[in-house]
């Protein structure tokens, strides 16, 4: 599956996609284990597509999440929010590192829905092409 990174529609001139900004912030706040888990889950999504063992539907929304199989520590609270596109691609929006049993962050979901709705309106929020290793 192709992984397409997104920018917020109000910040289309941002230097980096939302997920890259959030990975950086998490690393700077000592949550490297969560970021490592998120990158591994994205790798599994890339390799296995809709059959990824981490992919879960967020009920009542068009969004999906990547959720680890472990429930311990930073790794257990790692989440990546996205939506699936019909052409074997996923729009990767944002992430969070929460306590494993804590509820999903409403502000994170609001941002993800805002970006999704902008995409549905035809706004340019997706990266220009498949992820090329540049992480921009």
C-alpha atoms as a PDB file:
ATOM      1  CA  UNK A   1       0.000   0.000   0.000  1.00  0.00           C
ATOM      2  CA  UNK A   2       1.247   3.487  -0.819  1.00  0.00           C
ATOM      3  CA  UNK A   3       1.527   5.824   2.159  1.00  0.00           C
ATOM      4  CA  UNK A   4       0.664   9.448   1.396  1.00  0.00           C
ATOM      5  CA  UNK A   5       1.496  12.066   3.994  1.00  0.00           C
ATOM      6  CA  UNK A   6      -0.866  15.001   4.518  1.00  0.00           C
ATOM      7  CA  UNK A   7      -0.650  18.658   5.412  1.00  0.00           C
ATOM      8  CA  UNK A   8      -3.343  20.628   7.201  1.00  0.00           C
ATOM      9  CA  UNK A   9      -5.433  22.600   4.662  1.00  0.00           C
ATOM     10  CA  UNK A  10      -4.722  25.818   6.572  1.00  0.00           C
ATOM     11  CA  UNK A  11      -0.972  25.093   6.508  1.00  0.00           C
ATOM     12  CA  UNK A  12      -0.299  23.917   2.973  1.00  0.00           C
ATOM     13  CA  UNK A  13       2.998  25.833   2.989  1.00  0.00           C
ATOM     14  CA  UNK A  14       4.323  23.920   6.021  1.00  0.00           C
ATOM     15  CA  UNK A  15       7.817  22.492   5.617  1.00  0.00           C
ATOM     16  CA  UNK A  16       6.748  19.031   6.708  1.00  0.00           C
ATOM     17  CA  UNK A  17       3.672  16.837   6.752  1.00  0.00           C
ATOM     18  CA  UNK A  18       1.667  16.709  10.009  1.00  0.00           C
ATOM     19  CA  UNK A  19       2.894  13.237  10.978  1.00  0.00           C
ATOM     20  CA  UNK A  20       6.551  14.258  10.582  1.00  0.00           C
ATOM     21  CA  UNK A  21       6.017  17.331  12.777  1.00  0.00           C
ATOM     22  CA  UNK A  22       4.388  15.133  15.405  1.00  0.00           C
ATOM     23  CA  UNK A  23       7.116  12.465  15.252  1.00  0.00           C
ATOM     24  CA  UNK A  24       9.677  15.214  15.842  1.00  0.00           C
ATOM     25  CA  UNK A  25       7.736  16.628  18.780  1.00  0.00           C
ATOM     26  CA  UNK A  26       7.296  13.190  20.361  1.00  0.00           C
ATOM     27  CA  UNK A  27      11.002  12.426  19.988  1.00  0.00           C
ATOM     28  CA  UNK A  28      11.910  15.750  21.608  1.00  0.00           C
ATOM     29  CA  UNK A  29       9.638  14.972  24.581  1.00  0.00           C
ATOM     30  CA  UNK A  30      11.202  11.575  25.267  1.00  0.00           C
ATOM     31  CA  UNK A  31       8.677   9.359  23.499  1.00  0.00           C
ATOM     32  CA  UNK A  32      11.054   7.711  21.052  1.00  0.00           C
ATOM     33  CA  UNK A  33       9.724   4.210  21.859  1.00  0.00           C
ATOM     34  CA  UNK A  34       6.237   5.289  20.753  1.00  0.00           C
ATOM     35  CA  UNK A  35       7.605   6.791  17.521  1.00  0.00           C
ATOM     36  CA  UNK A  36       9.531   3.593  16.817  1.00  0.00           C
ATOM     37  CA  UNK A  37       6.308   1.606  17.284  1.00  0.00           C
ATOM     38  CA  UNK A  38       4.397   3.971  14.960  1.00  0.00           C
ATOM     39  CA  UNK A  39       7.030   3.628  12.245  1.00  0.00           C
ATOM     40  CA  UNK A  40       6.877  -0.168  12.571  1.00  0.00           C
ATOM     41  CA  UNK A  41       3.065  -0.090  12.245  1.00  0.00           C
ATOM     42  CA  UNK A  42       3.350   2.123   9.144  1.00  0.00           C
ATOM     43  CA  UNK A  43       5.832  -0.371   7.715  1.00  0.00           C
ATOM     44  CA  UNK A  44       3.334  -3.174   8.300  1.00  0.00           C
ATOM     45  CA  UNK A  45       0.570  -1.136   6.622  1.00  0.00           C
ATOM     46  CA  UNK A  46       2.855  -0.465   3.652  1.00  0.00           C
ATOM     47  CA  UNK A  47       3.703  -4.170   3.329  1.00  0.00           C
ATOM     48  CA  UNK A  48       0.289  -5.693   4.092  1.00  0.00           C
ATOM     49  CA  UNK A  49      -2.228  -3.011   3.159  1.00  0.00           C
ATOM     50  CA  UNK A  50      -5.755  -3.590   4.402  1.00  0.00           C
ATOM     51  CA  UNK A  51      -4.616  -6.894   5.920  1.00  0.00           C
ATOM     52  CA  UNK A  52      -2.317  -5.094   8.377  1.00  0.00           C
ATOM     53  CA  UNK A  53      -2.747  -6.559  11.848  1.00  0.00           C
ATOM     54  CA  UNK A  54      -2.619  -3.034  13.311  1.00  0.00           C
ATOM     55  CA  UNK A  55      -5.386  -1.440  11.219  1.00  0.00           C
ATOM     56  CA  UNK A  56      -8.646  -0.675  13.038  1.00  0.00           C
ATOM     57  CA  UNK A  57     -11.755   1.234  12.009  1.00  0.00           C
ATOM     58  CA  UNK A  58     -12.737   4.197  14.177  1.00  0.00           C
ATOM     59  CA  UNK A  59     -16.442   3.514  14.532  1.00  0.00           C
ATOM     60  CA  UNK A  60     -18.740   6.220  13.250  1.00  0.00           C
ATOM     61  CA  UNK A  61     -16.021   7.973  11.232  1.00  0.00           C
ATOM     62  CA  UNK A  62     -14.299   7.511   7.864  1.00  0.00           C
ATOM     63  CA  UNK A  63     -11.018   7.323   9.788  1.00  0.00           C
ATOM     64  CA  UNK A  64      -8.866   4.371  10.697  1.00  0.00           C
ATOM     65  CA  UNK A  65      -6.136   3.968  13.281  1.00  0.00           C
ATOM     66  CA  UNK A  66      -3.018   1.908  13.576  1.00  0.00           C
ATOM     67  CA  UNK A  67      -2.948   0.394  17.032  1.00  0.00           C
ATOM     68  CA  UNK A  68      -0.161  -1.807  18.438  1.00  0.00           C
ATOM     69  CA  UNK A  69      -0.751  -5.337  19.606  1.00  0.00           C
ATOM     70  CA  UNK A  70       1.039  -4.626  22.895  1.00  0.00           C
ATOM     71  CA  UNK A  71      -0.687  -2.794  25.746  1.00  0.00           C
ATOM     72  CA  UNK A  72       2.427  -1.820  27.702  1.00  0.00           C
ATOM     73  CA  UNK A  73       4.220   1.481  28.138  1.00  0.00           C
ATOM     74  CA  UNK A  74       4.763   4.070  25.408  1.00  0.00           C
ATOM     75  CA  UNK A  75       4.546   1.464  22.677  1.00  0.00           C
ATOM     76  CA  UNK A  76       1.093   0.372  23.858  1.00  0.00           C
ATOM     77  CA  UNK A  77      -0.295   3.902  23.636  1.00  0.00           C
ATOM     78  CA  UNK A  78       1.072   4.632  20.155  1.00  0.00           C
ATOM     79  CA  UNK A  79      -1.628   5.511  17.611  1.00  0.00           C
ATOM     80  CA  UNK A  80      -1.526   6.705  14.003  1.00  0.00           C
ATOM     81  CA  UNK A  81      -4.668   8.186  12.405  1.00  0.00           C
ATOM     82  CA  UNK A  82      -5.396   7.854   8.697  1.00  0.00           C
ATOM     83  CA  UNK A  83      -7.994   7.127   6.061  1.00  0.00           C
ATOM     84  CA  UNK A  84      -7.869   4.672   3.183  1.00  0.00           C
ATOM     85  CA  UNK A  85      -8.101   5.689  -0.449  1.00  0.00           C
ATOM     86  CA  UNK A  86      -9.610   3.487  -3.159  1.00  0.00           C
ATOM     87  CA  UNK A  87      -6.343   3.186  -5.136  1.00  0.00           C
ATOM     88  CA  UNK A  88      -4.424   1.035  -2.615  1.00  0.00           C
ATOM     89  CA  UNK A  89      -3.161   4.062  -0.725  1.00  0.00           C
ATOM     90  CA  UNK A  90      -3.514   5.451   2.776  1.00  0.00           C
ATOM     91  CA  UNK A  91      -3.576   9.118   3.764  1.00  0.00           C
ATOM     92  CA  UNK A  92      -1.450   9.321   6.926  1.00  0.00           C
ATOM     93  CA  UNK A  93      -2.625  12.252   9.052  1.00  0.00           C
ATOM     94  CA  UNK A  94      -1.361  12.424  12.627  1.00  0.00           C
ATOM     95  CA  UNK A  95      -0.511  10.426  15.712  1.00  0.00           C
ATOM     96  CA  UNK A  96      -0.439  10.379  19.471  1.00  0.00           C
ATOM     97  CA  UNK A  97       1.338   8.602  22.297  1.00  0.00           C
ATOM     98  CA  UNK A  98      -1.174   8.195  25.110  1.00  0.00           C
ATOM     99  CA  UNK A  99      -1.521   5.993  28.151  1.00  0.00           C
ATOM    100  CA  UNK A 100      -2.562   2.589  26.764  1.00  0.00           C
ATOM    101  CA  UNK A 101      -6.051   2.675  28.339  1.00  0.00           C
ATOM    102  CA  UNK A 102      -6.661   6.417  27.873  1.00  0.00           C
ATOM    103  CA  UNK A 103      -9.349   7.518  25.416  1.00  0.00           C
ATOM    104  CA  UNK A 104      -8.448   8.736  21.960  1.00  0.00           C
ATOM    105  CA  UNK A 105      -7.592  12.430  21.786  1.00  0.00           C
ATOM    106  CA  UNK A 106     -10.617  14.366  20.522  1.00  0.00           C
ATOM    107  CA  UNK A 107      -8.421  17.232  19.213  1.00  0.00           C
ATOM    108  CA  UNK A 108      -6.350  14.729  17.185  1.00  0.00           C
ATOM    109  CA  UNK A 109      -9.513  13.255  15.677  1.00  0.00           C
ATOM    110  CA  UNK A 110     -10.863  16.740  14.887  1.00  0.00           C
ATOM    111  CA  UNK A 111      -7.686  17.554  12.960  1.00  0.00           C
ATOM    112  CA  UNK A 112      -7.846  14.232  11.112  1.00  0.00           C
ATOM    113  CA  UNK A 113     -11.506  14.830  10.195  1.00  0.00           C
ATOM    114  CA  UNK A 114     -10.752  18.403   9.106  1.00  0.00           C
ATOM    115  CA  UNK A 115      -8.045  17.158   6.752  1.00  0.00           C
ATOM    116  CA  UNK A 116     -10.262  14.327   5.465  1.00  0.00           C
ATOM    117  CA  UNK A 117     -13.149  16.729   4.749  1.00  0.00           C
ATOM    118  CA  UNK A 118     -10.780  19.148   2.985  1.00  0.00           C
ATOM    119  CA  UNK A 119      -9.629  16.246   0.793  1.00  0.00           C
ATOM    120  CA  UNK A 120     -13.264  15.336   0.053  1.00  0.00           C
ATOM    121  CA  UNK A 121     -13.863  18.970  -1.058  1.00  0.00           C
ATOM    122  CA  UNK A 122     -10.936  18.691  -3.447  1.00  0.00           C
ATOM    123  CA  UNK A 123      -8.354  20.657  -1.465  1.00  0.00           C
ATOM    124  CA  UNK A 124      -4.760  19.590  -2.030  1.00  0.00           C
ATOM    125  CA  UNK A 125      -3.749  18.006   1.280  1.00  0.00           C
ATOM    126  CA  UNK A 126      -1.971  14.841   0.122  1.00  0.00           C
ATOM    127  CA  UNK A 127       1.696  14.602  -0.716  1.00  0.00           C
ATOM    128  CA  UNK A 128       2.333  14.946  -4.447  1.00  0.00           C
ATOM    129  CA  UNK A 129       3.091  11.255  -4.856  1.00  0.00           C
ATOM    130  CA  UNK A 130       3.948   8.093  -2.987  1.00  0.00           C
ATOM    131  CA  UNK A 131       6.330   8.461  -0.089  1.00  0.00           C
ATOM    132  CA  UNK A 132       9.802   8.707  -1.600  1.00  0.00           C
ATOM    133  CA  UNK A 133      11.929   8.380   1.514  1.00  0.00           C
ATOM    134  CA  UNK A 134      12.353  12.148   1.812  1.00  0.00           C
ATOM    135  CA  UNK A 135       9.926  12.391   4.770  1.00  0.00           C
ATOM    136  CA  UNK A 136       8.845  15.897   3.669  1.00  0.00           C
END
